[in-house]
Protein backbone atom coordinates (compact mmCIF):
# COMPACT_ATOMS: atom_id res chain seq x y z
CA MET A 1 3.80 -17.68 14.27
CA ASP A 2 0.10 -18.25 13.72
CA ARG A 3 -2.65 -15.63 13.74
CA ARG A 4 -3.62 -16.21 17.39
CA ASP A 5 -0.03 -15.74 18.59
CA VAL A 6 0.33 -12.55 16.54
CA LEU A 7 -2.90 -11.10 17.93
CA ARG A 8 -1.98 -12.03 21.50
CA MET A 9 1.46 -10.42 21.25
CA LEU A 10 0.21 -7.23 19.59
CA ALA A 11 -2.73 -6.80 21.95
CA LEU A 12 -0.89 -7.23 25.26
CA ALA A 13 1.35 -4.15 25.16
CA GLY A 14 -0.64 -2.43 27.90
CA GLY A 15 -4.07 -1.62 29.18
CA GLY A 16 -4.91 1.10 26.68
CA VAL A 17 -4.17 4.79 27.25
CA ALA A 18 -6.83 7.32 26.29
CA ILE A 19 -5.72 10.36 24.29
CA SER A 20 -8.02 13.31 24.86
CA THR A 21 -8.63 16.28 22.60
CA THR A 22 -6.87 18.44 25.22
CA ALA A 23 -3.74 16.32 24.88
CA ARG A 24 -3.97 16.66 21.11
CA ALA A 25 -3.98 20.46 21.40
CA ARG A 26 -0.82 20.35 23.52
CA ALA A 27 0.83 18.18 20.87
CA VAL A 28 0.42 20.99 18.37
CA ALA A 29 2.07 23.34 20.87
CA GLY A 30 5.12 21.08 20.82
CA GLU A 31 5.62 20.75 24.60
CA PRO A 32 7.85 17.85 25.69
CA GLY A 33 6.25 15.15 27.79
CA ARG A 34 4.45 11.83 27.49
CA VAL A 35 4.88 9.03 24.99
CA PHE A 36 2.30 6.28 24.42
CA VAL A 37 3.39 3.00 22.84
CA SER A 38 1.31 0.55 20.79
CA ARG A 39 2.63 -2.67 19.28
CA ILE A 40 2.94 -3.20 15.52
CA MET A 41 4.42 -5.95 13.37
CA LEU A 42 5.62 -6.37 9.81
CA GLN A 43 3.71 -9.39 8.53
CA GLY A 44 4.24 -10.25 4.88
CA SER A 45 3.35 -7.19 2.81
CA ARG A 46 1.49 -5.39 5.64
CA VAL A 47 2.31 -3.48 8.81
CA VAL A 48 -0.33 -4.77 11.21
CA MET A 49 -1.73 -3.87 14.61
CA ALA A 50 -4.16 -5.69 16.89
CA VAL A 51 -7.34 -3.64 17.39
CA THR A 52 -10.14 -4.23 19.89
CA ILE A 53 -13.57 -2.66 19.35
CA GLY A 54 -15.52 -2.44 22.57
CA ASP A 55 -15.36 -5.90 24.10
CA ALA A 56 -14.75 -7.59 20.74
CA GLY A 57 -11.49 -8.71 19.19
CA PRO A 58 -8.61 -8.37 18.90
CA TYR A 59 -8.61 -8.13 15.09
CA LEU A 60 -5.67 -7.50 12.78
CA PHE A 61 -5.78 -4.09 11.10
CA ALA A 62 -3.11 -2.89 8.64
CA ILE A 63 -1.64 0.61 8.77
CA ASP A 64 -2.46 2.43 5.52
CA THR A 65 -0.83 5.87 5.42
CA GLY A 66 -2.11 6.33 1.87
CA GLY A 67 -5.72 6.17 3.04
CA PHE A 68 -7.81 9.20 3.98
CA LEU A 69 -10.45 7.18 5.86
CA SER A 70 -9.97 4.00 7.87
CA LEU A 71 -11.63 0.90 6.43
CA ILE A 72 -13.32 -2.11 8.00
CA ASP A 73 -14.53 -5.36 6.49
CA ASN A 74 -18.23 -4.67 6.01
CA ALA A 75 -19.10 -8.15 7.25
CA LEU A 76 -17.26 -7.47 10.52
CA ALA A 77 -18.94 -4.07 10.93
CA LYS A 78 -22.35 -5.69 10.55
CA SER A 79 -21.52 -8.55 12.92
CA LEU A 80 -20.44 -6.01 15.57
CA LYS A 81 -23.64 -4.01 14.92
CA LEU A 82 -21.67 -0.78 14.51
CA ASN A 83 -23.75 2.38 14.16
CA ALA A 84 -24.08 3.47 10.50
CA THR A 85 -23.82 7.27 10.19
CA GLY A 86 -24.08 7.82 6.43
CA MET A 87 -22.31 7.18 3.16
CA THR A 88 -19.04 8.46 1.74
CA GLY A 89 -17.40 8.48 -1.66
CA ALA A 90 -13.84 7.25 -2.01
CA ALA A 91 -11.36 7.21 -4.86
CA GLY A 92 -8.42 4.88 -5.23
CA VAL A 93 -6.89 2.33 -7.55
CA GLY A 94 -9.62 1.23 -9.95
CA GLY A 95 -11.71 4.41 -9.69
CA ARG A 96 -14.43 5.67 -7.35
CA THR A 97 -16.82 3.84 -5.06
CA VAL A 98 -19.38 4.62 -2.36
CA MET A 99 -19.20 3.01 1.08
CA PRO A 100 -21.19 3.13 4.31
CA VAL A 101 -19.60 4.92 7.28
CA TYR A 102 -19.72 3.29 10.72
CA LEU A 103 -18.92 4.75 14.13
CA ALA A 104 -17.03 2.38 16.42
CA ARG A 105 -16.56 3.14 20.12
CA ASN A 106 -13.88 2.33 22.69
CA ILE A 107 -11.09 1.32 20.32
CA VAL A 108 -7.71 0.11 21.62
CA PHE A 109 -4.78 0.10 19.18
CA GLY A 110 -1.98 -2.41 19.73
CA GLY A 111 -2.70 -2.68 23.44
CA GLY A 112 -1.66 0.95 23.89
CA VAL A 113 -3.62 3.98 22.69
CA ARG A 114 -7.36 4.03 23.31
CA GLN A 115 -9.76 6.27 21.37
CA ASN A 116 -13.37 6.88 22.35
CA ALA A 117 -14.76 6.87 18.80
CA VAL A 118 -13.42 6.07 15.32
CA ALA A 119 -15.15 6.34 11.94
CA PHE A 120 -14.66 3.43 9.54
CA ALA A 121 -15.79 3.07 5.93
CA GLY A 122 -17.24 -0.40 5.36
CA MET A 123 -15.83 -2.27 2.39
CA GLU A 124 -17.53 -5.24 0.72
CA ASN A 125 -15.37 -8.13 -0.49
CA PHE A 126 -12.53 -6.94 1.71
CA GLY A 127 -9.42 -8.10 -0.13
CA PHE A 128 -6.37 -7.01 1.88
CA GLY A 129 -5.46 -10.48 3.15
CA SER A 130 -7.55 -13.19 4.77
CA GLU A 131 -6.45 -12.24 8.28
CA VAL A 132 -6.65 -8.44 7.92
CA LYS A 133 -10.05 -7.04 8.89
CA GLY A 134 -9.42 -3.33 8.46
CA MET A 135 -7.06 -0.53 7.41
CA LEU A 136 -5.99 2.39 9.61
CA ALA A 137 -5.64 5.64 7.64
CA ALA A 138 -2.94 8.31 7.57
CA GLY A 139 -4.25 9.97 10.73
CA ILE A 140 -2.19 7.37 12.60
CA LEU A 141 0.76 9.66 11.80
CA THR A 142 -0.75 13.02 10.82
CA THR A 143 -3.06 13.78 13.78
CA MET A 144 -0.31 14.25 16.37
CA ASP A 145 3.46 13.82 16.54
CA SER A 146 4.09 10.10 16.03
CA ASP A 147 6.70 7.49 15.17
CA LEU A 148 6.08 4.45 12.99
CA ASP A 149 9.08 2.43 14.16
CA ILE A 150 8.93 -0.85 12.27
CA GLU A 151 12.40 -1.79 13.50
CA ALA A 152 11.29 -1.69 17.16
CA GLY A 153 7.75 -2.91 16.40
CA GLU A 154 6.20 0.24 17.89
CA TRP A 155 3.78 3.00 16.97
CA ARG A 156 4.58 5.81 19.39
CA THR A 157 2.45 8.91 19.92
CA TYR A 158 3.60 12.08 21.68
CA PRO A 159 0.56 14.09 22.89
CA ASP A 160 2.85 16.78 24.34
CA GLY A 161 5.20 17.04 21.36
CA HIS A 162 8.15 15.00 20.09
CA PRO A 163 11.64 15.21 21.66
CA PRO A 164 14.61 16.13 19.42
CA ARG A 165 15.34 13.55 16.72
CA ILE A 166 18.88 12.28 16.17
CA GLY A 167 20.11 10.79 12.90
CA TYR A 168 16.91 11.55 10.94
CA TYR A 169 16.48 13.29 7.57
CA ARG A 170 13.81 16.01 7.41
CA ILE A 171 11.27 16.25 4.57
CA ASP A 172 9.25 19.49 4.55
CA SER A 173 5.61 20.01 3.45
CA ALA A 174 4.99 16.32 4.15
CA ILE A 175 1.55 16.65 5.79
CA SER A 176 -1.36 18.14 3.85
CA ASP A 177 -2.64 21.39 5.32
CA MET A 178 -6.25 20.22 5.61
CA ALA A 179 -8.23 17.04 6.11
CA SER A 180 -9.96 15.22 3.25
CA GLY A 181 -13.71 15.68 2.85
CA ARG A 182 -16.42 16.89 5.21
CA GLY A 183 -19.14 15.47 7.40
CA PRO A 184 -19.26 11.75 8.19
CA GLY A 185 -16.80 11.01 5.41
CA ALA A 186 -14.18 13.52 6.56
CA GLY A 187 -10.79 11.84 6.62
CA SER A 188 -7.15 12.17 7.56
CA ARG A 189 -4.56 14.58 6.33
CA HIS A 190 -2.32 12.85 3.81
CA LEU A 191 1.38 12.04 4.16
CA TYR A 192 3.77 13.01 1.37
CA GLY A 193 7.47 12.80 0.63
CA SER A 194 9.96 14.03 -1.93
CA ALA A 195 12.34 11.75 -3.83
CA THR A 196 14.49 11.90 -6.93
CA VAL A 197 14.15 9.51 -9.86
CA GLY A 198 16.67 9.71 -12.67
CA GLY A 199 18.00 12.91 -11.11
CA LYS A 200 14.58 14.63 -11.20
CA ALA A 201 12.93 15.80 -7.96
CA LEU A 202 9.38 14.43 -7.63
CA ARG A 203 6.57 14.39 -5.06
CA PHE A 204 4.99 11.17 -3.80
CA LEU A 205 2.14 9.95 -1.65
CA LEU A 206 3.67 7.78 1.11
CA ASP A 207 1.48 4.70 1.34
CA THR A 208 2.23 1.84 3.73
CA GLY A 209 -0.98 0.22 2.47
CA ALA A 210 0.54 -0.26 -1.00
CA PRO A 211 2.57 -3.49 -0.89
CA GLY A 212 4.87 -2.49 -3.76
CA GLY A 213 7.77 -0.09 -3.83
CA LEU A 214 7.92 2.91 -6.16
CA SER A 215 5.25 3.80 -8.72
CA LEU A 216 4.96 6.70 -11.17
CA ASP A 217 2.02 8.07 -13.10
CA ARG A 218 2.19 7.74 -16.86
CA PRO A 219 2.97 11.40 -17.72
CA THR A 220 5.90 11.38 -15.28
CA ALA A 221 7.12 8.02 -16.60
CA GLN A 222 7.01 9.33 -20.16
CA SER A 223 8.91 12.49 -19.20
CA LEU A 224 11.64 10.30 -17.69
CA GLY A 225 11.80 8.09 -20.80
CA LEU A 226 10.58 4.99 -18.95
CA TRP A 227 7.33 4.44 -20.90
CA ASN A 228 8.16 3.69 -24.54
CA ASP A 229 8.11 0.90 -27.12
CA THR A 230 11.61 -0.42 -26.38
CA GLN A 231 11.80 -0.42 -22.57
CA PRO A 232 11.51 -4.00 -21.23
CA TYR A 233 8.53 -4.33 -18.88
CA ALA A 234 6.34 -6.82 -17.06
CA PRO A 235 2.61 -6.04 -17.26
CA VAL A 236 0.37 -5.96 -14.19
CA ARG A 237 -3.18 -4.82 -13.49
CA PRO A 238 -3.41 -3.02 -10.11
CA ARG A 239 -6.50 -3.45 -7.97
CA GLY A 240 -7.82 -1.26 -5.14
CA ILE A 241 -10.94 0.01 -3.43
CA GLY A 242 -12.45 1.07 -6.77
CA GLY A 243 -11.82 -2.28 -8.47
CA GLN A 244 -9.35 -2.99 -11.27
CA ALA A 245 -7.25 -0.32 -12.96
CA GLY A 246 -5.75 -0.32 -16.44
CA ILE A 247 -2.65 -2.28 -17.36
CA ALA A 248 0.48 -0.93 -15.67
CA ARG A 249 4.12 -1.70 -16.44
CA ILE A 250 6.91 -2.79 -14.12
CA VAL A 251 10.30 -1.58 -15.36
CA ARG A 252 13.76 -1.15 -13.92
CA ALA A 253 14.95 2.44 -13.43
CA ALA A 254 18.55 3.59 -13.13
CA GLY A 255 18.11 4.71 -9.53
CA PHE A 256 16.21 6.84 -7.04
CA THR A 257 16.86 8.54 -3.70
CA PHE A 258 14.46 8.83 -0.76
CA GLY A 259 15.58 10.92 2.20
CA ASP A 260 19.34 10.59 2.13
CA SER A 261 19.27 6.95 0.98
CA PRO A 262 20.05 5.98 -2.63
CA PHE A 263 18.54 2.88 -4.29
CA ASP A 264 20.30 1.33 -7.28
CA ARG A 265 18.27 -0.02 -10.22
CA PRO A 266 14.92 -0.33 -8.43
CA LEU A 267 11.81 -1.86 -9.92
CA VAL A 268 9.24 0.85 -10.67
CA MET A 269 5.57 0.41 -11.52
CA LEU A 270 4.35 2.78 -14.23
CA ARG A 271 0.62 3.30 -13.74
CA GLY A 272 -1.89 3.34 -16.58
CA GLU A 273 -3.19 6.49 -18.21
CA SER A 274 -6.25 6.95 -15.97
CA ASP A 275 -4.58 5.80 -12.73
CA THR A 276 -3.25 9.10 -11.39
CA ARG A 277 -3.37 11.08 -8.13
CA PRO A 278 -3.72 14.86 -7.81
CA ARG A 279 -0.68 16.85 -6.70
CA VAL A 280 1.77 13.93 -6.81
CA ASN A 281 3.92 12.14 -9.38
CA GLY A 282 3.40 8.71 -7.89
CA ILE A 283 3.38 6.54 -4.77
CA ILE A 284 6.10 5.19 -2.51
CA GLY A 285 4.82 1.94 -1.00
CA LEU A 286 5.72 -0.42 1.80
CA GLN A 287 8.53 -2.23 -0.02
CA VAL A 288 10.52 1.01 0.34
CA LEU A 289 8.95 2.44 3.51
CA ARG A 290 9.50 -0.76 5.52
CA GLN A 291 13.22 0.10 5.39
CA PHE A 292 12.69 3.36 7.31
CA ASN A 293 11.44 4.67 10.62
CA LEU A 294 8.92 7.47 9.99
CA SER A 295 8.44 10.33 12.45
CA THR A 296 6.00 13.24 12.06
CA ASP A 297 6.12 16.82 13.30
CA VAL A 298 2.48 17.84 12.85
CA ARG A 299 2.85 21.52 13.72
CA ALA A 300 5.69 21.96 11.19
CA ARG A 301 3.98 19.59 8.69
CA ALA A 302 7.33 17.79 8.45
CA LEU A 303 8.33 14.15 8.16
CA TRP A 304 11.59 12.80 9.51
CA VAL A 305 12.95 9.52 8.07
CA LYS A 306 15.76 7.27 9.22
CA ARG A 307 16.85 4.12 7.44
CA HIS A 308 17.03 0.99 9.56
CA THR A 309 20.39 -0.32 10.68
CA THR A 310 19.57 -3.49 8.75
CA ALA A 311 17.24 -2.48 5.94
CA ASP A 312 14.90 -5.28 4.82
CA ALA A 313 13.74 -4.52 1.29
CA SER A 314 11.75 -7.76 0.81
CA GLU A 315 12.05 -9.83 -2.34
CA GLU A 316 11.61 -8.20 -5.74
CA ARG A 317 8.65 -9.66 -7.60
CA TYR A 318 7.27 -9.43 -11.11
CA GLY A 319 5.79 -11.87 -13.61
CA LEU A 320 8.66 -13.81 -15.20
CA SER A 321 6.53 -14.76 -18.21
CA GLY A 322 5.82 -11.16 -19.21
CA LEU A 323 2.11 -11.99 -19.61
CA TRP A 324 -1.04 -10.51 -18.16
CA ILE A 325 -4.12 -12.63 -18.85
CA ASP A 326 -7.68 -11.38 -18.34
CA ARG A 327 -10.51 -13.80 -17.62
CA ASP A 328 -14.17 -13.51 -18.59
CA GLY A 329 -15.88 -16.66 -17.41
CA GLU A 330 -13.99 -19.50 -19.08
CA ARG A 331 -12.53 -17.24 -21.76
CA MET A 332 -8.88 -16.21 -21.26
CA THR A 333 -7.42 -13.36 -23.30
CA VAL A 334 -3.87 -12.01 -23.31
CA ALA A 335 -4.28 -8.40 -22.16
CA ALA A 336 -0.59 -7.46 -22.43
CA VAL A 337 2.78 -8.95 -23.38
CA GLY A 338 5.85 -7.24 -21.95
CA THR A 339 8.61 -6.04 -24.27
CA GLY A 340 11.70 -8.25 -23.91
CA SER A 341 9.81 -10.98 -22.03
CA PRO A 342 9.98 -14.76 -22.59
CA ALA A 343 6.36 -14.77 -23.81
CA ALA A 344 7.12 -12.03 -26.34
CA GLY A 345 10.12 -14.03 -27.56
CA ALA A 346 7.82 -17.03 -28.09
CA GLY A 347 5.50 -14.98 -30.29
CA VAL A 348 2.56 -14.55 -27.89
CA ARG A 349 0.63 -11.36 -28.74
CA THR A 350 -1.93 -9.12 -27.10
CA GLY A 351 -5.43 -10.36 -28.01
CA ASP A 352 -4.45 -14.03 -28.26
CA ARG A 353 -6.78 -16.49 -26.52
CA ILE A 354 -5.37 -19.14 -24.18
CA VAL A 355 -7.21 -22.45 -24.66
CA GLY A 356 -7.08 -26.08 -23.64
CA GLU A 357 -6.80 -25.82 -19.85
CA PRO A 358 -8.51 -24.01 -16.96
CA PHE A 359 -7.49 -20.58 -15.74
CA PRO A 360 -5.95 -21.74 -12.40
CA ALA A 361 -3.68 -24.18 -14.26
CA VAL A 362 -2.50 -21.44 -16.63
CA ILE A 363 -1.74 -19.08 -13.74
CA ARG A 364 0.22 -21.80 -11.93
CA LYS A 365 2.27 -22.38 -15.08
CA ILE A 366 3.25 -18.76 -15.66
CA SER A 367 3.84 -18.10 -11.93
CA GLY A 368 6.55 -20.73 -11.57
CA ALA A 369 10.18 -20.35 -10.52
CA PRO A 370 12.97 -19.23 -12.87
CA GLY A 371 13.88 -22.06 -15.23
CA THR A 372 10.34 -23.44 -15.43
CA SER A 373 9.35 -24.52 -18.96
CA VAL A 374 5.91 -23.32 -20.04
CA THR A 375 3.82 -24.36 -23.05
CA LEU A 376 0.55 -22.57 -23.78
CA SER A 377 -2.03 -23.36 -26.45
CA VAL A 378 -2.82 -20.08 -28.17
CA GLU A 379 -5.74 -19.36 -30.52
CA ARG A 380 -5.34 -16.54 -33.03
CA GLY A 381 -7.66 -16.00 -35.98
CA GLY A 382 -9.26 -19.41 -35.45
CA VAL A 383 -5.90 -21.23 -35.59
CA ILE A 384 -4.49 -22.94 -32.48
CA SER A 385 -0.74 -23.29 -31.96
CA ASP A 386 1.58 -24.07 -29.04
CA ARG A 387 3.91 -21.39 -27.72
CA ALA A 388 6.80 -22.55 -25.52
CA PHE A 389 9.15 -20.47 -23.37
CA VAL A 390 11.18 -20.64 -20.15
CA LEU A 391 10.47 -18.38 -17.18
CA LYS A 392 13.42 -16.13 -16.35
CA PRO A 393 14.23 -12.69 -14.93
CA PHE A 394 14.25 -10.24 -17.83
CA LEU A 395 14.21 -6.78 -16.24
């Protein structure tokens, strides 16, 4: 299905239903009543929704429950001549940044819910997929009782309160008790969840905008014995709204449980020393969350989760070479070599320079399928030698 078909399907759910502030107050009171439905779709590593802004669009926006403020491609905001209301600071993977805030009017989400005004932070070099033009923050679920039902392809809102849930698991203290920030940069209340890793109860930010599965901060990983000199790992350098973060490690843990669902030997990303979040031990991303329906009870600050009848975990991915290579112009330097990896077995070391071919060719080589033979020319101490290995799963 191409982009135009996706947009057409997601945008034609209905004519757009306005949710007033009065209806929002009744939602807090928990009275039974109306349900508004907007269309969503799981597309690759994103949950997307068609959004119209005034008479323009539709545009694909991804649902990002880890975000405190919705984002828009700055180029799109300028082309639509959205009203700039100020600047806001934001922190995420890669550190802090400052972005302009725009006010958009008459927004329709997925052909269903209409909102009179929405604040978006404009992001330069928007890098969340060539077709995605914005990210919708956690308020999608934390403003009023809502369901994110990926299985049915629906985002449902209940302005008068949610009916009783059947077959769901309740997670308490899941919605932060106050919004993030003040003024034009004020954002959504965050969404959290508890889970156990290695038998230890931990607290996580629930982030549908993070394509991966489970990640832990470094202190938590060390306390669980996952970050050490002998644990096999694949290196990766996460990137987010603040740019690039430090080298992280992908390892395989014994198991973890989210809600009432156990996961055996999951891949876990261990974040670098400076890549941490306050009040949580890590992040649960879309690779896990796509397997669940999420339902919020805003008044009780609770989240209810229910695993799909047919849970789609998506394919596990990590670098089969065990290499992470940084590029500075034409210079390529090995930033990390994973313990137990094919590259480590071939004698490649951190700090080695890769020479003799362009960066894209090197990346194609080390990103091949299992069984692919790779030979790299490595310079160390002024001496060039070839290092050969075969790509294979090693975690």
